[in-house]
Protein backbone atom coordinates (compact mmCIF):
# COMPACT_ATOMS: atom_id res chain seq x y z
CA MET A 1 -26.45 -5.09 -65.94
CA SER A 2 -27.20 -8.69 -65.01
CA SER A 3 -27.50 -9.71 -61.37
CA CYS A 4 -24.76 -12.29 -61.90
CA ALA A 5 -22.30 -9.63 -63.08
CA VAL A 6 -23.11 -7.43 -60.07
CA ALA A 7 -22.62 -10.37 -57.70
CA TYR A 8 -19.30 -11.28 -59.34
CA LEU A 9 -18.05 -7.70 -59.02
CA LEU A 10 -19.13 -7.41 -55.38
CA ILE A 11 -17.30 -10.63 -54.52
CA SER A 12 -14.18 -9.50 -56.38
CA VAL A 13 -14.18 -6.07 -54.70
CA ALA A 14 -14.73 -7.58 -51.25
CA CYS A 15 -11.92 -10.12 -51.69
CA SER A 16 -9.51 -7.45 -52.93
CA VAL A 17 -10.09 -5.32 -49.82
CA LEU A 18 -10.10 -8.37 -47.52
CA VAL A 19 -6.56 -9.18 -48.67
CA SER A 20 -5.37 -5.89 -47.15
CA VAL A 21 -7.54 -6.42 -44.06
CA LEU A 22 -6.10 -9.88 -43.48
CA LEU A 23 -2.55 -8.58 -43.85
CA LYS A 24 -3.34 -5.88 -41.26
CA LEU A 25 -4.81 -8.43 -38.84
CA MET A 26 -1.82 -10.76 -39.31
CA GLN A 27 0.50 -7.90 -38.39
CA ARG A 28 -1.54 -7.01 -35.31
CA ARG A 29 -1.53 -10.61 -34.08
CA GLY A 30 2.17 -11.14 -34.70
CA ILE A 31 1.70 -13.69 -37.49
CA ASP A 32 4.68 -13.89 -39.83
CA THR A 33 3.40 -12.20 -43.01
CA ALA A 34 6.33 -13.40 -45.15
CA GLN A 35 5.43 -17.00 -44.31
CA GLY A 36 1.76 -16.24 -44.94
CA ILE A 37 2.55 -14.81 -48.37
CA THR A 38 4.51 -17.99 -49.15
CA TRP A 39 1.54 -20.25 -48.38
CA ASN A 40 -0.73 -17.82 -50.21
CA TYR A 41 0.90 -18.88 -53.47
CA LEU A 42 0.43 -22.55 -52.65
CA ALA A 43 -3.33 -21.99 -52.23
CA ALA A 44 -3.54 -19.79 -55.34
CA SER A 45 -1.67 -22.31 -57.50
CA LEU A 46 -3.86 -25.22 -56.36
CA LEU A 47 -7.06 -23.23 -56.93
CA CYS A 48 -5.85 -22.04 -60.33
CA PHE A 49 -5.10 -25.62 -61.39
CA GLY A 50 -8.38 -26.96 -60.06
CA LEU A 51 -10.77 -24.23 -61.20
CA LEU A 52 -9.28 -22.67 -64.33
CA ASP A 53 -7.88 -25.86 -65.89
CA PRO A 54 -4.87 -23.99 -67.36
CA PRO A 55 -3.79 -25.21 -70.83
CA LEU A 56 -0.20 -25.92 -69.83
CA ALA A 57 0.50 -27.65 -73.15
CA ALA A 58 0.46 -24.20 -74.75
CA LEU A 59 3.71 -23.43 -72.90
CA GLY A 60 5.56 -26.06 -74.91
CA TYR A 61 5.89 -23.88 -78.00
CA ALA A 62 9.30 -22.50 -78.91
CA ASP A 63 8.10 -18.89 -78.78
CA THR A 64 6.80 -19.09 -75.21
CA PRO A 65 7.96 -15.87 -73.47
CA TRP A 66 9.82 -17.50 -70.60
CA ALA A 67 11.71 -14.32 -69.74
CA GLU A 68 8.43 -12.48 -69.05
CA LEU A 69 7.07 -15.46 -67.12
CA GLY A 70 10.22 -15.60 -65.00
CA LEU A 71 10.09 -11.88 -64.30
CA LEU A 72 6.42 -12.18 -63.34
CA ALA A 73 7.26 -15.02 -60.95
CA LEU A 74 9.80 -12.80 -59.18
CA LEU A 75 7.68 -9.67 -59.26
CA LEU A 76 4.53 -11.22 -57.76
CA PRO A 77 6.00 -12.15 -54.36
CA GLY A 78 8.05 -8.95 -54.26
CA ILE A 79 5.00 -6.77 -54.77
CA PHE A 80 2.99 -8.79 -52.25
CA LEU A 81 5.69 -8.18 -49.64
CA ALA A 82 5.60 -4.48 -50.55
CA LEU A 83 1.79 -4.51 -50.21
CA SER A 84 2.10 -5.96 -46.71
CA ALA A 85 4.72 -3.38 -45.72
CA SER A 86 2.59 -0.55 -47.17
CA VAL A 87 -0.49 -1.68 -45.22
CA ARG A 88 1.64 -1.53 -42.06
CA ALA A 89 3.27 1.86 -42.77
CA ALA A 90 0.64 3.76 -44.77
CA GLY A 91 -2.62 1.97 -43.97
CA ILE A 92 -5.29 0.17 -45.93
CA VAL A 93 -6.83 3.27 -47.54
CA ARG A 94 -3.69 4.65 -49.15
CA THR A 95 -2.40 1.19 -50.10
CA ASP A 96 -5.63 0.15 -51.84
CA ILE A 97 -5.87 3.47 -53.70
CA ALA A 98 -2.23 3.12 -54.78
CA GLN A 99 -2.94 -0.38 -56.03
CA ARG A 100 -5.87 0.87 -58.13
CA MET A 101 -4.06 3.99 -59.36
CA SER A 102 -1.46 1.71 -60.92
CA LEU A 103 -3.83 1.84 -63.90
CA VAL A 104 -2.38 5.30 -64.64
CA LEU A 105 1.05 3.84 -65.36
CA SER A 106 -0.53 0.87 -67.15
CA LEU A 107 -2.42 3.26 -69.41
CA LEU A 108 0.75 5.22 -70.14
CA ALA A 109 2.53 1.98 -71.02
CA ALA A 110 -0.36 1.04 -73.31
CA PHE A 111 0.09 4.30 -75.20
CA LEU A 112 3.87 3.98 -75.45
CA TRP A 113 4.41 0.25 -76.05
CA PHE A 114 1.18 -1.43 -77.09
CA GLY A 115 -0.07 1.00 -79.72
CA GLU A 116 -3.31 1.92 -77.97
CA GLN A 117 -4.83 5.19 -79.13
CA ALA A 118 -5.10 8.15 -76.78
CA ASN A 119 -8.28 10.20 -76.65
CA ALA A 120 -9.39 13.23 -74.68
CA LEU A 121 -11.10 11.23 -71.93
CA ARG A 122 -8.14 8.92 -71.38
CA ILE A 123 -5.68 11.81 -71.31
CA ALA A 124 -7.87 13.71 -68.84
CA GLY A 125 -8.09 10.60 -66.66
CA LEU A 126 -4.34 10.15 -66.88
CA VAL A 127 -3.62 13.73 -65.80
CA LEU A 128 -6.17 13.57 -62.98
CA GLY A 129 -4.76 10.21 -61.90
CA VAL A 130 -1.27 11.72 -61.58
CA VAL A 131 -2.69 14.49 -59.39
CA ALA A 132 -4.49 11.86 -57.29
CA ILE A 133 -1.20 9.97 -56.83
CA VAL A 134 0.56 13.14 -55.64
CA CYS A 135 -2.23 13.74 -53.12
CA LEU A 136 -2.19 10.09 -52.10
CA VAL A 137 1.45 9.91 -51.07
CA ALA A 138 1.35 13.11 -49.02
CA ARG A 139 1.83 12.34 -45.34
CA PRO A 140 -1.23 12.98 -43.13
CA GLU A 141 -0.82 16.09 -40.97
CA ARG A 142 -2.09 14.26 -37.88
CA GLY A 143 -0.77 10.82 -38.73
CA PRO A 144 1.93 8.91 -36.87
CA ARG A 145 5.46 10.06 -37.65
CA GLY A 146 7.14 6.74 -36.94
CA ALA A 147 6.70 5.37 -40.43
CA GLY A 148 8.71 8.26 -41.92
CA TRP A 149 9.55 7.95 -45.60
CA GLN A 150 7.92 4.51 -45.78
CA ALA A 151 4.45 6.07 -45.46
CA TRP A 152 4.82 7.66 -48.90
CA ALA A 153 7.46 5.47 -50.57
CA LEU A 154 5.78 2.08 -50.05
CA PRO A 155 2.45 3.07 -51.69
CA LEU A 156 4.52 4.24 -54.67
CA VAL A 157 6.29 0.86 -54.77
CA VAL A 158 2.88 -0.85 -54.74
CA LEU A 159 1.67 1.41 -57.54
CA VAL A 160 4.69 0.80 -59.75
CA GLY A 161 4.72 -2.92 -58.94
CA TYR A 162 1.09 -3.55 -59.88
CA ALA A 163 1.51 -1.51 -63.06
CA SER A 164 4.53 -3.65 -63.94
CA VAL A 165 2.52 -6.84 -63.40
CA ASP A 166 -0.21 -5.48 -65.68
CA VAL A 167 2.35 -4.65 -68.39
CA LEU A 168 3.85 -8.14 -68.16
CA LEU A 169 0.41 -9.74 -68.44
CA LYS A 170 -0.28 -7.61 -71.54
CA ARG A 171 3.00 -8.75 -73.08
CA LEU A 172 2.14 -12.38 -72.35
CA ALA A 173 -1.31 -11.93 -73.89
CA ALA A 174 0.22 -10.28 -76.97
CA ALA A 175 2.54 -13.30 -77.30
CA GLY A 176 -0.50 -15.60 -77.31
CA THR A 177 0.14 -17.18 -73.91
CA PRO A 178 -3.18 -18.24 -72.31
CA PHE A 179 -4.03 -16.21 -69.21
CA ALA A 180 -4.69 -19.25 -67.00
CA ALA A 181 -1.42 -20.90 -68.03
CA SER A 182 0.50 -17.69 -67.26
CA LEU A 183 -1.10 -17.50 -63.82
CA GLN A 184 -0.39 -21.15 -63.06
CA VAL A 185 3.30 -20.90 -63.91
CA ALA A 186 3.66 -17.59 -62.07
CA PHE A 187 1.94 -18.88 -58.91
CA VAL A 188 3.96 -22.10 -58.77
CA ALA A 189 7.23 -20.30 -59.45
CA ALA A 190 6.42 -17.58 -56.89
CA PHE A 191 5.65 -20.25 -54.29
CA THR A 192 8.95 -21.99 -55.05
CA VAL A 193 10.90 -18.73 -54.75
CA MET A 194 9.23 -17.75 -51.48
CA LEU A 195 9.56 -21.23 -49.99
CA CYS A 196 13.29 -21.23 -50.72
CA MET A 197 13.60 -17.78 -49.17
CA GLN A 198 11.71 -18.83 -46.05
CA GLY A 199 13.75 -22.02 -45.77
CA ALA A 200 17.00 -20.03 -45.94
CA ARG A 201 15.61 -17.56 -43.42
CA ALA A 202 14.62 -20.38 -41.04
CA TRP A 203 18.07 -21.94 -41.31
CA ARG A 204 19.87 -18.62 -40.81
CA THR A 205 17.74 -17.04 -38.05
CA ARG A 206 16.06 -20.15 -36.58
CA VAL A 207 12.61 -18.66 -37.27
CA ALA A 208 10.24 -21.64 -37.23
CA PHE A 209 7.37 -22.22 -39.61
CA THR A 210 4.09 -21.79 -37.74
CA GLY A 211 0.60 -23.20 -38.13
CA ALA A 212 -0.89 -19.72 -37.72
CA ALA A 213 1.07 -18.44 -40.72
CA LEU A 214 0.07 -21.51 -42.72
CA GLY A 215 -3.64 -21.06 -41.99
CA ALA A 216 -3.58 -17.30 -42.59
CA GLY A 217 -1.58 -17.78 -45.77
CA LEU A 218 -3.99 -20.35 -47.20
CA LEU A 219 -6.88 -17.96 -46.48
CA LEU A 220 -4.90 -15.11 -48.03
CA GLY A 221 -4.32 -17.17 -51.19
CA THR A 222 -8.00 -18.09 -51.37
CA LEU A 223 -9.00 -14.42 -51.18
CA ASN A 224 -6.32 -13.44 -53.67
CA PHE A 225 -7.38 -16.04 -56.21
CA THR A 226 -11.12 -15.46 -55.66
CA ASN A 227 -10.60 -11.78 -56.45
CA ILE A 228 -9.03 -12.72 -59.81
CA LEU A 229 -11.55 -15.47 -60.58
CA PHE A 230 -14.67 -13.36 -60.07
CA TYR A 231 -13.19 -10.36 -61.88
CA VAL A 232 -12.70 -12.63 -64.90
CA LYS A 233 -16.24 -13.99 -64.43
CA ALA A 234 -17.61 -10.43 -64.39
CA HIS A 235 -15.90 -9.69 -67.70
CA ARG A 236 -17.34 -12.88 -69.18
CA ALA A 237 -20.81 -11.97 -67.90
CA LEU A 238 -20.53 -8.55 -69.59
CA PRO A 239 -18.34 -9.23 -72.62
CA ASP A 240 -19.59 -6.12 -74.46
CA HIS A 241 -19.04 -3.73 -71.56
CA PRO A 242 -15.42 -4.03 -70.36
CA ALA A 243 -15.35 -0.37 -69.28
CA VAL A 244 -18.27 -0.94 -66.89
CA VAL A 245 -16.52 -3.88 -65.22
CA PHE A 246 -13.22 -1.99 -65.11
CA SER A 247 -14.69 1.14 -63.52
CA MET A 248 -16.94 -0.64 -61.02
CA MET A 249 -14.11 -2.88 -59.85
CA ASN A 250 -11.60 -0.08 -59.31
CA ILE A 251 -14.05 2.45 -57.86
CA GLY A 252 -15.52 -0.26 -55.62
CA VAL A 253 -12.12 -1.08 -54.14
CA VAL A 254 -11.32 2.61 -53.57
CA VAL A 255 -14.64 3.24 -51.80
CA LEU A 256 -14.76 0.02 -49.76
CA GLY A 257 -11.07 0.24 -48.86
CA THR A 258 -11.61 3.80 -47.61
CA LEU A 259 -14.63 2.82 -45.50
CA VAL A 260 -12.86 -0.18 -43.98
CA GLY A 261 -9.62 1.68 -43.29
CA VAL A 262 -11.24 4.76 -41.72
CA LEU A 263 -14.19 3.18 -39.91
CA GLY A 264 -12.75 -0.25 -39.16
CA PHE A 265 -9.15 0.61 -38.32
CA GLY A 266 -9.31 4.32 -37.45
CA GLU A 267 -6.81 5.37 -40.10
CA ARG A 268 -6.12 9.09 -40.27
CA LEU A 269 -5.97 10.91 -43.56
CA GLY A 270 -4.70 14.41 -44.27
CA ARG A 271 -6.55 16.86 -46.47
CA LEU A 272 -4.54 15.96 -49.54
CA ASN A 273 -5.06 12.24 -48.85
CA LEU A 274 -8.81 12.84 -48.67
CA LEU A 275 -8.69 14.79 -51.92
CA ALA A 276 -7.02 11.80 -53.58
CA ILE A 277 -10.17 9.69 -53.08
CA PRO A 278 -12.61 11.66 -55.28
CA LEU A 279 -9.82 12.45 -57.76
CA ALA A 280 -9.05 8.74 -58.09
CA ILE A 281 -12.73 7.89 -58.61
CA ILE A 282 -13.14 10.58 -61.28
CA ALA A 283 -9.90 9.51 -62.99
CA ILE A 284 -11.09 5.88 -63.10
CA GLY A 285 -14.43 7.01 -64.54
CA LEU A 286 -12.76 9.09 -67.25
CA ILE A 287 -10.40 6.30 -68.24
CA ALA A 288 -13.26 3.81 -68.32
CA ALA A 289 -15.31 6.20 -70.49
CA GLY A 290 -12.32 6.45 -72.82
CA ILE A 291 -12.20 2.65 -73.07
CA GLY A 292 -15.91 2.31 -73.77
């Protein structure tokens, strides 16, 4: 593997975990995360336009899947809000594993709707991934009880949400819509939706926009977009080994997210939660082997 590909993957993994870390720090410091998520899409849309040069002219064709683009624009901010709530209620470890285990539902959708062929390795990874999800959402025996049902329900929402985003992106790709153009439209539309929501919220509850939320949100968007950018760069650096990039990215986030959550934030995990970590890593490896 080239040193460039390794560097790209390390940057992508770090940025993915740092998104959850920043959300956690925003919550601890009383920074409005909903406002931060709004500005996140402003930063992501500007970076997408400046660095990916999206071919927006391709969206002018009559068969452009606007329904899927519109649904993606609504789903992105919704799942980001769910991610923030899950980090608060369930912690970084369980949230990041849930985000990566969304590949189980994505794989199932690929079998059912996109005509991808199942093989023994993929099926084994799928089954093991389901077991990992069950272990993941179990409440820690020694964990705080205040979160209640949210501690298991919100990671599931994150899992289903990210799988839904992946399915929508696959549908857009199948329709011939360029990836960069899809991202650009989705980011701009998501920013517009969130800005309208925050404006209505400010008018109704007199919650003021703050500079702290703006700064944190712009950083959040930079991390969010950098994660995507360097993941794409890693695939381009290893065009003949997509399974390697896929597995290293997902396993890297699971491992780093676990280390940061447990060592950096003192998150407590029950026995079943701990079991979910190696099960998730093995499931990712099996699915990647089935791809390659």
